[in-house]
Amino acid sequence: SRDNAQNTVYLQMNSLRPEDTAVYYCAASFQPISTTIS
């Protein structure tokens, strides 16, 4: 999810498993179209 007023993106992680162990990275890119994801 995201809160653009706070310039923040979130990742809520529930029911975590040992295989979720990792370094988690956030990434961003400018997109001219509001619905584009990659």
PDB file of all heavy atoms in Angstrom:
ATOM      1  N   SER A   1       0.854  -1.182   0.000  1.00  0.00           N
ATOM      2  CA  SER A   1       0.000   0.000   0.000  1.00  0.00           C
ATOM      3  C   SER A   1       0.892   1.235   0.000  1.00  0.00           C
ATOM      4  O   SER A   1       2.109   1.131   0.150  1.00  0.00           O
ATOM      5  CB  SER A   1      -0.931  -0.001   1.217  1.00  0.00           C
ATOM      6  OG  SER A   1      -0.182   0.064   2.422  1.00  0.00           O
ATOM      7  N   ARG A   2       0.269   2.404  -0.160  1.00  0.00           N
ATOM      8  CA  ARG A   2       1.048   3.634  -0.147  1.00  0.00           C
ATOM      9  C   ARG A   2       0.228   4.781   0.388  1.00  0.00           C
ATOM     10  O   ARG A   2      -0.999   4.775   0.318  1.00  0.00           O
ATOM     11  CB  ARG A   2       1.578   3.963  -1.543  1.00  0.00           C
ATOM     12  CG  ARG A   2       0.543   4.321  -2.564  1.00  0.00           C
ATOM     13  CD  ARG A   2       1.168   4.404  -3.951  1.00  0.00           C
ATOM     14  NE  ARG A   2       2.204   5.437  -4.006  1.00  0.00           N
ATOM     15  CZ  ARG A   2       3.246   5.386  -4.845  1.00  0.00           C
ATOM     16  NH1 ARG A   2       3.379   4.378  -5.669  1.00  0.00           N
ATOM     17  NH2 ARG A   2       4.130   6.376  -4.849  1.00  0.00           N
ATOM     18  N   ASP A   3       0.940   5.768   0.923  1.00  0.00           N
ATOM     19  CA  ASP A   3       0.350   7.007   1.390  1.00  0.00           C
ATOM     20  C   ASP A   3       1.150   8.131   0.739  1.00  0.00           C
ATOM     21  O   ASP A   3       2.243   8.475   1.214  1.00  0.00           O
ATOM     22  CB  ASP A   3       0.420   7.087   2.920  1.00  0.00           C
ATOM     23  CG  ASP A   3      -0.247   8.326   3.473  1.00  0.00           C
ATOM     24  OD1 ASP A   3      -0.450   9.285   2.709  1.00  0.00           O
ATOM     25  OD2 ASP A   3      -0.549   8.345   4.668  1.00  0.00           O
ATOM     26  N   ASN A   4       0.643   8.679  -0.338  1.00  0.00           N
ATOM     27  CA  ASN A   4       1.395   9.691  -1.083  1.00  0.00           C
ATOM     28  C   ASN A   4       1.552  10.976  -0.286  1.00  0.00           C
ATOM     29  O   ASN A   4       2.519  11.716  -0.488  1.00  0.00           O
ATOM     30  CB  ASN A   4       0.728   9.966  -2.422  1.00  0.00           C
ATOM     31  CG  ASN A   4       0.956   8.841  -3.417  1.00  0.00           C
ATOM     32  OD1 ASN A   4       1.903   8.056  -3.291  1.00  0.00           O
ATOM     33  ND2 ASN A   4       0.071   8.746  -4.405  1.00  0.00           N
ATOM     34  N   ALA A   5       0.629  11.256   0.594  1.00  0.00           N
ATOM     35  CA  ALA A   5       0.767  12.451   1.436  1.00  0.00           C
ATOM     36  C   ALA A   5       1.968  12.329   2.374  1.00  0.00           C
ATOM     37  O   ALA A   5       2.570  13.336   2.746  1.00  0.00           O
ATOM     38  CB  ALA A   5      -0.499  12.672   2.244  1.00  0.00           C
ATOM     39  N   GLN A   6       2.314  11.081   2.732  1.00  0.00           N
ATOM     40  CA  GLN A   6       3.457  10.811   3.606  1.00  0.00           C
ATOM     41  C   GLN A   6       4.685  10.351   2.828  1.00  0.00           C
ATOM     42  O   GLN A   6       5.715  10.040   3.444  1.00  0.00           O
ATOM     43  CB  GLN A   6       3.083   9.736   4.642  1.00  0.00           C
ATOM     44  CG  GLN A   6       1.960  10.133   5.562  1.00  0.00           C
ATOM     45  CD  GLN A   6       2.328  11.305   6.447  1.00  0.00           C
ATOM     46  OE1 GLN A   6       3.471  11.422   6.913  1.00  0.00           O
ATOM     47  NE2 GLN A   6       1.380  12.208   6.671  1.00  0.00           N
ATOM     48  N   ASN A   7       4.579  10.299   1.499  1.00  0.00           N
ATOM     49  CA  ASN A   7       5.690   9.831   0.657  1.00  0.00           C
ATOM     50  C   ASN A   7       6.210   8.476   1.129  1.00  0.00           C
ATOM     51  O   ASN A   7       7.433   8.261   1.204  1.00  0.00           O
ATOM     52  CB  ASN A   7       6.845  10.844   0.661  1.00  0.00           C
ATOM     53  CG  ASN A   7       6.581  12.013  -0.256  1.00  0.00           C
ATOM     54  OD1 ASN A   7       5.579  12.040  -0.972  1.00  0.00           O
ATOM     55  ND2 ASN A   7       7.458  12.991  -0.226  1.00  0.00           N
ATOM     56  N   THR A   8       5.300   7.579   1.425  1.00  0.00           N
ATOM     57  CA  THR A   8       5.696   6.302   2.001  1.00  0.00           C
ATOM     58  C   THR A   8       4.937   5.153   1.353  1.00  0.00           C
ATOM     59  O   THR A   8       3.738   5.273   1.080  1.00  0.00           O
ATOM     60  CB  THR A   8       5.446   6.289   3.524  1.00  0.00           C
ATOM     61  OG1 THR A   8       6.148   7.373   4.127  1.00  0.00           O
ATOM     62  CG2 THR A   8       5.929   4.989   4.145  1.00  0.00           C
ATOM     63  N   VAL A   9       5.664   4.073   1.139  1.00  0.00           N
ATOM     64  CA  VAL A   9       5.075   2.825   0.656  1.00  0.00           C
ATOM     65  C   VAL A   9       5.249   1.782   1.758  1.00  0.00           C
ATOM     66  O   VAL A   9       6.289   1.749   2.425  1.00  0.00           O
ATOM     67  CB  VAL A   9       5.758   2.349  -0.639  1.00  0.00           C
ATOM     68  CG1 VAL A   9       5.230   0.986  -1.070  1.00  0.00           C
ATOM     69  CG2 VAL A   9       5.555   3.362  -1.749  1.00  0.00           C
ATOM     70  N   TYR A  10       4.247   0.945   1.924  1.00  0.00           N
ATOM     71  CA  TYR A  10       4.266  -0.051   2.993  1.00  0.00           C
ATOM     72  C   TYR A  10       4.180  -1.467   2.436  1.00  0.00           C
ATOM     73  O   TYR A  10       3.648  -1.697   1.350  1.00  0.00           O
ATOM     74  CB  TYR A  10       3.086   0.168   3.941  1.00  0.00           C
ATOM     75  CG  TYR A  10       3.027   1.539   4.550  1.00  0.00           C
ATOM     76  CD1 TYR A  10       2.209   2.524   4.015  1.00  0.00           C
ATOM     77  CD2 TYR A  10       3.798   1.863   5.665  1.00  0.00           C
ATOM     78  CE1 TYR A  10       2.149   3.792   4.559  1.00  0.00           C
ATOM     79  CE2 TYR A  10       3.758   3.131   6.222  1.00  0.00           C
ATOM     80  CZ  TYR A  10       2.928   4.091   5.673  1.00  0.00           C
ATOM     81  OH  TYR A  10       2.888   5.340   6.221  1.00  0.00           O
ATOM     82  N   LEU A  11       4.680  -2.398   3.214  1.00  0.00           N
ATOM     83  CA  LEU A  11       4.470  -3.814   2.929  1.00  0.00           C
ATOM     84  C   LEU A  11       4.055  -4.478   4.237  1.00  0.00           C
ATOM     85  O   LEU A  11       4.885  -4.661   5.133  1.00  0.00           O
ATOM     86  CB  LEU A  11       5.725  -4.473   2.368  1.00  0.00           C
ATOM     87  CG  LEU A  11       5.540  -5.930   1.935  1.00  0.00           C
ATOM     88  CD1 LEU A  11       4.612  -6.019   0.718  1.00  0.00           C
ATOM     89  CD2 LEU A  11       6.880  -6.593   1.620  1.00  0.00           C
ATOM     90  N   GLN A  12       2.775  -4.787   4.342  1.00  0.00           N
ATOM     91  CA  GLN A  12       2.266  -5.496   5.505  1.00  0.00           C
ATOM     92  C   GLN A  12       2.474  -6.986   5.275  1.00  0.00           C
ATOM     93  O   GLN A  12       1.986  -7.536   4.291  1.00  0.00           O
ATOM     94  CB  GLN A  12       0.785  -5.200   5.714  1.00  0.00           C
ATOM     95  CG  GLN A  12       0.161  -5.944   6.887  1.00  0.00           C
ATOM     96  CD  GLN A  12       0.727  -5.500   8.230  1.00  0.00           C
ATOM     97  OE1 GLN A  12       0.878  -4.304   8.466  1.00  0.00           O
ATOM     98  NE2 GLN A  12       1.041  -6.460   9.097  1.00  0.00           N
ATOM     99  N   MET A  13       3.187  -7.626   6.191  1.00  0.00           N
ATOM    100  CA  MET A  13       3.530  -9.037   6.038  1.00  0.00           C
ATOM    101  C   MET A  13       2.921  -9.813   7.208  1.00  0.00           C
ATOM    102  O   MET A  13       3.302  -9.583   8.372  1.00  0.00           O
ATOM    103  CB  MET A  13       5.049  -9.217   6.009  1.00  0.00           C
ATOM    104  CG  MET A  13       5.734  -8.384   4.943  1.00  0.00           C
ATOM    105  SD  MET A  13       7.492  -8.745   4.787  1.00  0.00           S
ATOM    106  CE  MET A  13       8.063  -8.240   6.398  1.00  0.00           C
ATOM    107  N   ASN A  14       1.992 -10.685   6.891  1.00  0.00           N
ATOM    108  CA  ASN A  14       1.329 -11.523   7.904  1.00  0.00           C
ATOM    109  C   ASN A  14       1.660 -12.990   7.650  1.00  0.00           C
ATOM    110  O   ASN A  14       2.117 -13.363   6.563  1.00  0.00           O
ATOM    111  CB  ASN A  14      -0.180 -11.322   7.854  1.00  0.00           C
ATOM    112  CG  ASN A  14      -0.594  -9.888   8.137  1.00  0.00           C
ATOM    113  OD1 ASN A  14       0.051  -9.175   8.917  1.00  0.00           O
ATOM    114  ND2 ASN A  14      -1.675  -9.451   7.513  1.00  0.00           N
ATOM    115  N   SER A  15       1.411 -13.817   8.645  1.00  0.00           N
ATOM    116  CA  SER A  15       1.639 -15.265   8.532  1.00  0.00           C
ATOM    117  C   SER A  15       3.024 -15.554   7.987  1.00  0.00           C
ATOM    118  O   SER A  15       3.189 -16.354   7.047  1.00  0.00           O
ATOM    119  CB  SER A  15       0.565 -15.901   7.635  1.00  0.00           C
ATOM    120  OG  SER A  15      -0.720 -15.663   8.122  1.00  0.00           O
ATOM    121  N   LEU A  16       4.002 -14.916   8.546  1.00  0.00           N
ATOM    122  CA  LEU A  16       5.373 -15.055   8.046  1.00  0.00           C
ATOM    123  C   LEU A  16       5.891 -16.471   8.210  1.00  0.00           C
ATOM    124  O   LEU A  16       5.567 -17.172   9.176  1.00  0.00           O
ATOM    125  CB  LEU A  16       6.288 -14.059   8.745  1.00  0.00           C
ATOM    126  CG  LEU A  16       6.159 -12.621   8.223  1.00  0.00           C
ATOM    127  CD1 LEU A  16       6.701 -11.631   9.228  1.00  0.00           C
ATOM    128  CD2 LEU A  16       6.890 -12.494   6.891  1.00  0.00           C
ATOM    129  N   ARG A  17       6.718 -16.868   7.268  1.00  0.00           N
ATOM    130  CA  ARG A  17       7.309 -18.207   7.236  1.00  0.00           C
ATOM    131  C   ARG A  17       8.830 -18.083   7.227  1.00  0.00           C
ATOM    132  O   ARG A  17       9.373 -17.071   6.770  1.00  0.00           O
ATOM    133  CB  ARG A  17       6.853 -18.930   5.975  1.00  0.00           C
ATOM    134  CG  ARG A  17       5.351 -19.024   5.799  1.00  0.00           C
ATOM    135  CD  ARG A  17       4.997 -19.486   4.391  1.00  0.00           C
ATOM    136  NE  ARG A  17       3.561 -19.587   4.184  1.00  0.00           N
ATOM    137  CZ  ARG A  17       2.995 -19.744   2.988  1.00  0.00           C
ATOM    138  NH1 ARG A  17       3.751 -19.844   1.907  1.00  0.00           N
ATOM    139  NH2 ARG A  17       1.684 -19.828   2.898  1.00  0.00           N
ATOM    140  N   PRO A  18       9.526 -19.125   7.656  1.00  0.00           N
ATOM    141  CA  PRO A  18      10.997 -19.060   7.610  1.00  0.00           C
ATOM    142  C   PRO A  18      11.530 -18.762   6.202  1.00  0.00           C
ATOM    143  O   PRO A  18      12.560 -18.073   6.068  1.00  0.00           O
ATOM    144  CB  PRO A  18      11.409 -20.456   8.081  1.00  0.00           C
ATOM    145  CG  PRO A  18      10.308 -20.867   9.000  1.00  0.00           C
ATOM    146  CD  PRO A  18       9.056 -20.309   8.373  1.00  0.00           C
ATOM    147  N   GLU A  19      10.836 -19.229   5.173  1.00  0.00           N
ATOM    148  CA  GLU A  19      11.306 -18.982   3.808  1.00  0.00           C
ATOM    149  C   GLU A  19      11.120 -17.533   3.368  1.00  0.00           C
ATOM    150  O   GLU A  19      11.564 -17.144   2.285  1.00  0.00           O
ATOM    151  CB  GLU A  19      10.600 -19.916   2.808  1.00  0.00           C
ATOM    152  CG  GLU A  19       9.089 -19.904   2.879  1.00  0.00           C
ATOM    153  CD  GLU A  19       8.525 -21.021   3.737  1.00  0.00           C
ATOM    154  OE1 GLU A  19       9.124 -21.322   4.799  1.00  0.00           O
ATOM    155  OE2 GLU A  19       7.475 -21.588   3.351  1.00  0.00           O
ATOM    156  N   ASP A  20      10.475 -16.706   4.189  1.00  0.00           N
ATOM    157  CA  ASP A  20      10.380 -15.276   3.901  1.00  0.00           C
ATOM    158  C   ASP A  20      11.621 -14.525   4.374  1.00  0.00           C
ATOM    159  O   ASP A  20      11.749 -13.322   4.107  1.00  0.00           O
ATOM    160  CB  ASP A  20       9.146 -14.673   4.587  1.00  0.00           C
ATOM    161  CG  ASP A  20       7.843 -15.208   4.046  1.00  0.00           C
ATOM    162  OD1 ASP A  20       7.730 -15.371   2.800  1.00  0.00           O
ATOM    163  OD2 ASP A  20       6.925 -15.467   4.851  1.00  0.00           O
ATOM    164  N   THR A  21      12.512 -15.218   5.059  1.00  0.00           N
ATOM    165  CA  THR A  21      13.740 -14.585   5.538  1.00  0.00           C
ATOM    166  C   THR A  21      14.557 -14.071   4.359  1.00  0.00           C
ATOM    167  O   THR A  21      14.872 -14.823   3.430  1.00  0.00           O
ATOM    168  CB  THR A  21      14.577 -15.582   6.352  1.00  0.00           C
ATOM    169  OG1 THR A  21      13.870 -15.926   7.547  1.00  0.00           O
ATOM    170  CG2 THR A  21      15.931 -14.986   6.720  1.00  0.00           C
ATOM    171  N   ALA A  22      14.887 -12.783   4.390  1.00  0.00           N
ATOM    172  CA  ALA A  22      15.604 -12.145   3.282  1.00  0.00           C
ATOM    173  C   ALA A  22      15.861 -10.688   3.632  1.00  0.00           C
ATOM    174  O   ALA A  22      15.322 -10.164   4.607  1.00  0.00           O
ATOM    175  CB  ALA A  22      14.786 -12.227   1.999  1.00  0.00           C
ATOM    176  N   VAL A  23      16.667 -10.060   2.809  1.00  0.00           N
ATOM    177  CA  VAL A  23      16.777  -8.601   2.830  1.00  0.00           C
ATOM    178  C   VAL A  23      15.716  -8.077   1.866  1.00  0.00           C
ATOM    179  O   VAL A  23      15.653  -8.511   0.714  1.00  0.00           O
ATOM    180  CB  VAL A  23      18.175  -8.117   2.413  1.00  0.00           C
ATOM    181  CG1 VAL A  23      18.213  -6.592   2.387  1.00  0.00           C
ATOM    182  CG2 VAL A  23      19.231  -8.661   3.362  1.00  0.00           C
ATOM    183  N   TYR A  24      14.897  -7.160   2.358  1.00  0.00           N
ATOM    184  CA  TYR A  24      13.804  -6.600   1.570  1.00  0.00           C
ATOM    185  C   TYR A  24      14.195  -5.213   1.076  1.00  0.00           C
ATOM    186  O   TYR A  24      14.625  -4.359   1.870  1.00  0.00           O
ATOM    187  CB  TYR A  24      12.532  -6.551   2.396  1.00  0.00           C
ATOM    188  CG  TYR A  24      11.864  -7.894   2.541  1.00  0.00           C
ATOM    189  CD1 TYR A  24      12.452  -8.892   3.321  1.00  0.00           C
ATOM    190  CD2 TYR A  24      10.696  -8.197   1.863  1.00  0.00           C
ATOM    191  CE1 TYR A  24      11.873 -10.142   3.437  1.00  0.00           C
ATOM    192  CE2 TYR A  24      10.110  -9.455   1.978  1.00  0.00           C
ATOM    193  CZ  TYR A  24      10.702 -10.415   2.763  1.00  0.00           C
ATOM    194  OH  TYR A  24      10.121 -11.664   2.868  1.00  0.00           O
ATOM    195  N   TYR A  25      13.993  -5.005  -0.224  1.00  0.00           N
ATOM    196  CA  TYR A  25      14.360  -3.755  -0.867  1.00  0.00           C
ATOM    197  C   TYR A  25      13.130  -3.059  -1.429  1.00  0.00           C
ATOM    198  O   TYR A  25      12.269  -3.690  -2.040  1.00  0.00           O
ATOM    199  CB  TYR A  25      15.325  -4.002  -2.014  1.00  0.00           C
ATOM    200  CG  TYR A  25      16.640  -4.597  -1.604  1.00  0.00           C
ATOM    201  CD1 TYR A  25      16.820  -5.971  -1.585  1.00  0.00           C
ATOM    202  CD2 TYR A  25      17.720  -3.780  -1.256  1.00  0.00           C
ATOM    203  CE1 TYR A  25      18.042  -6.529  -1.225  1.00  0.00           C
ATOM    204  CE2 TYR A  25      18.940  -4.325  -0.894  1.00  0.00           C
ATOM    205  CZ  TYR A  25      19.084  -5.704  -0.876  1.00  0.00           C
ATOM    206  OH  TYR A  25      20.292  -6.247  -0.511  1.00  0.00           O
ATOM    207  N   CYS A  26      13.114  -1.742  -1.262  1.00  0.00           N
ATOM    208  CA  CYS A  26      12.088  -0.905  -1.868  1.00  0.00           C
ATOM    209  C   CYS A  26      12.673  -0.316  -3.154  1.00  0.00           C
ATOM    210  O   CYS A  26      13.870  -0.001  -3.218  1.00  0.00           O
ATOM    211  CB  CYS A  26      11.710   0.206  -0.895  1.00  0.00           C
ATOM    212  SG  CYS A  26      10.547   1.400  -1.533  1.00  0.00           S
ATOM    213  N   ALA A  27      11.829  -0.168  -4.169  1.00  0.00           N
ATOM    214  CA  ALA A  27      12.272   0.394  -5.437  1.00  0.00           C
ATOM    215  C   ALA A  27      11.199   1.326  -5.985  1.00  0.00           C
ATOM    216  O   ALA A  27      10.015   1.177  -5.656  1.00  0.00           O
ATOM    217  CB  ALA A  27      12.555  -0.722  -6.440  1.00  0.00           C
ATOM    218  N   ALA A  28      11.619   2.276  -6.841  1.00  0.00           N
ATOM    219  CA  ALA A  28      10.666   3.231  -7.405  1.00  0.00           C
ATOM    220  C   ALA A  28      11.122   3.675  -8.783  1.00  0.00           C
ATOM    221  O   ALA A  28      12.322   3.676  -9.089  1.00  0.00           O
ATOM    222  CB  ALA A  28      10.516   4.444  -6.476  1.00  0.00           C
ATOM    223  N   SER A  29      10.152   4.072  -9.601  1.00  0.00           N
ATOM    224  CA  SER A  29      10.456   4.638 -10.899  1.00  0.00           C
ATOM    225  C   SER A  29       9.328   5.560 -11.304  1.00  0.00           C
ATOM    226  O   SER A  29       8.152   5.292 -11.014  1.00  0.00           O
ATOM    227  CB  SER A  29      10.647   3.538 -11.947  1.00  0.00           C
ATOM    228  OG  SER A  29       9.448   2.834 -12.138  1.00  0.00           O
ATOM    229  N   PHE A  30       9.694   6.636 -12.020  1.00  0.00           N
ATOM    230  CA  PHE A  30       8.683   7.567 -12.495  1.00  0.00           C
ATOM    231  C   PHE A  30       7.828   6.889 -13.555  1.00  0.00           C
ATOM    232  O   PHE A  30       8.334   6.190 -14.432  1.00  0.00           O
ATOM    233  CB  PHE A  30       9.337   8.812 -13.090  1.00  0.00           C
ATOM    234  CG  PHE A  30       8.353   9.709 -13.794  1.00  0.00           C
ATOM    235  CD1 PHE A  30       7.488  10.506 -13.077  1.00  0.00           C
ATOM    236  CD2 PHE A  30       8.273   9.727 -15.179  1.00  0.00           C
ATOM    237  CE1 PHE A  30       6.568  11.318 -13.707  1.00  0.00           C
ATOM    238  CE2 PHE A  30       7.360  10.533 -15.834  1.00  0.00           C
ATOM    239  CZ  PHE A  30       6.504  11.331 -15.090  1.00  0.00           C
ATOM    240  N   GLN A  31       6.532   7.095 -13.471  1.00  0.00           N
ATOM    241  CA  GLN A  31       5.627   6.546 -14.460  1.00  0.00           C
ATOM    242  C   GLN A  31       4.614   7.612 -14.877  1.00  0.00           C
ATOM    243  O   GLN A  31       3.946   8.191 -14.035  1.00  0.00           O
ATOM    244  CB  GLN A  31       4.870   5.336 -13.881  1.00  0.00           C
ATOM    245  CG  GLN A  31       5.729   4.133 -13.597  1.00  0.00           C
ATOM    246  CD  GLN A  31       6.283   3.503 -14.864  1.00  0.00           C
ATOM    247  OE1 GLN A  31       5.794   3.766 -15.959  1.00  0.00           O
ATOM    248  NE2 GLN A  31       7.297   2.679 -14.710  1.00  0.00           N
ATOM    249  N   PRO A  32       4.500   7.881 -16.191  1.00  0.00           N
ATOM    250  CA  PRO A  32       3.548   8.901 -16.641  1.00  0.00           C
ATOM    251  C   PRO A  32       2.097   8.459 -16.529  1.00  0.00           C
ATOM    252  O   PRO A  32       1.191   9.300 -16.509  1.00  0.00           O
ATOM    253  CB  PRO A  32       3.940   9.122 -18.099  1.00  0.00           C
ATOM    254  CG  PRO A  32       4.584   7.830 -18.509  1.00  0.00           C
ATOM    255  CD  PRO A  32       5.296   7.328 -17.290  1.00  0.00           C
ATOM    256  N   ILE A  33       1.877   7.153 -16.433  1.00  0.00           N
ATOM    257  CA  ILE A  33       0.519   6.633 -16.355  1.00  0.00           C
ATOM    258  C   ILE A  33       0.255   6.159 -14.926  1.00  0.00           C
ATOM    259  O   ILE A  33       1.033   5.400 -14.375  1.00  0.00           O
ATOM    260  CB  ILE A  33       0.314   5.477 -17.354  1.00  0.00           C
ATOM    261  CG1 ILE A  33       0.561   5.977 -18.778  1.00  0.00           C
ATOM    262  CG2 ILE A  33      -1.091   4.887 -17.224  1.00  0.00           C
ATOM    263  CD1 ILE A  33       0.545   4.894 -19.820  1.00  0.00           C
ATOM    264  N   SER A  34      -0.850   6.586 -14.387  1.00  0.00           N
ATOM    265  CA  SER A  34      -1.112   6.384 -12.957  1.00  0.00           C
ATOM    266  C   SER A  34      -1.318   4.934 -12.559  1.00  0.00           C
ATOM    267  O   SER A  34      -1.167   4.597 -11.388  1.00  0.00           O
ATOM    268  CB  SER A  34      -2.338   7.193 -12.542  1.00  0.00           C
ATOM    269  OG  SER A  34      -3.497   6.699 -13.203  1.00  0.00           O
ATOM    270  N   THR A  35      -1.637   4.066 -13.514  1.00  0.00           N
ATOM    271  CA  THR A  35      -1.949   2.677 -13.164  1.00  0.00           C
ATOM    272  C   THR A  35      -0.827   1.697 -13.491  1.00  0.00           C
ATOM    273  O   THR A  35      -0.958   0.500 -13.256  1.00  0.00           O
ATOM    274  CB  THR A  35      -3.205   2.218 -13.913  1.00  0.00           C
ATOM    275  OG1 THR A  35      -3.003   2.407 -15.318  1.00  0.00           O
ATOM    276  CG2 THR A  35      -4.424   3.014 -13.476  1.00  0.00           C
ATOM    277  N   THR A  36       0.289   2.192 -14.013  1.00  0.00           N
ATOM    278  CA  THR A  36       1.382   1.308 -14.417  1.00  0.00           C
ATOM    279  C   THR A  36       2.070   0.680 -13.213  1.00  0.00           C
ATOM    280  O   THR A  36       2.371   1.369 -12.229  1.00  0.00           O
ATOM    281  CB  THR A  36       2.423   2.073 -15.233  1.00  0.00           C
ATOM    282  OG1 THR A  36       1.810   2.601 -16.396  1.00  0.00           O
ATOM    283  CG2 THR A  36       3.571   1.152 -15.643  1.00  0.00           C
ATOM    284  N   ILE A  37       2.312  -0.634 -13.294  1.00  0.00           N
ATOM    285  CA  ILE A  37       3.150  -1.312 -12.314  1.00  0.00           C
ATOM    286  C   ILE A  37       4.115  -2.211 -13.065  1.00  0.00           C
ATOM    287  O   ILE A  37       3.932  -2.494 -14.241  1.00  0.00           O
ATOM    288  CB  ILE A  37       2.341  -2.163 -11.315  1.00  0.00           C
ATOM    289  CG1 ILE A  37       1.532  -3.249 -12.054  1.00  0.00           C
ATOM    290  CG2 ILE A  37       1.450  -1.302 -10.457  1.00  0.00           C
ATOM    291  CD1 ILE A  37       0.884  -4.248 -11.128  1.00  0.00           C
ATOM    292  N   SER A  38       5.156  -2.682 -12.382  1.00  0.00           N
ATOM    293  CA  SER A  38       6.105  -3.589 -13.010  1.00  0.00           C
ATOM    294  C   SER A  38       6.639  -4.576 -11.990  1.00  0.00           C
ATOM    295  O   SER A  38       6.853  -4.229 -10.820  1.00  0.00           O
ATOM    296  CB  SER A  38       7.267  -2.813 -13.625  1.00  0.00           C
ATOM    297  OG  SER A  38       8.219  -3.710 -14.178  1.00  0.00           O
TER     298      SER A  38
END
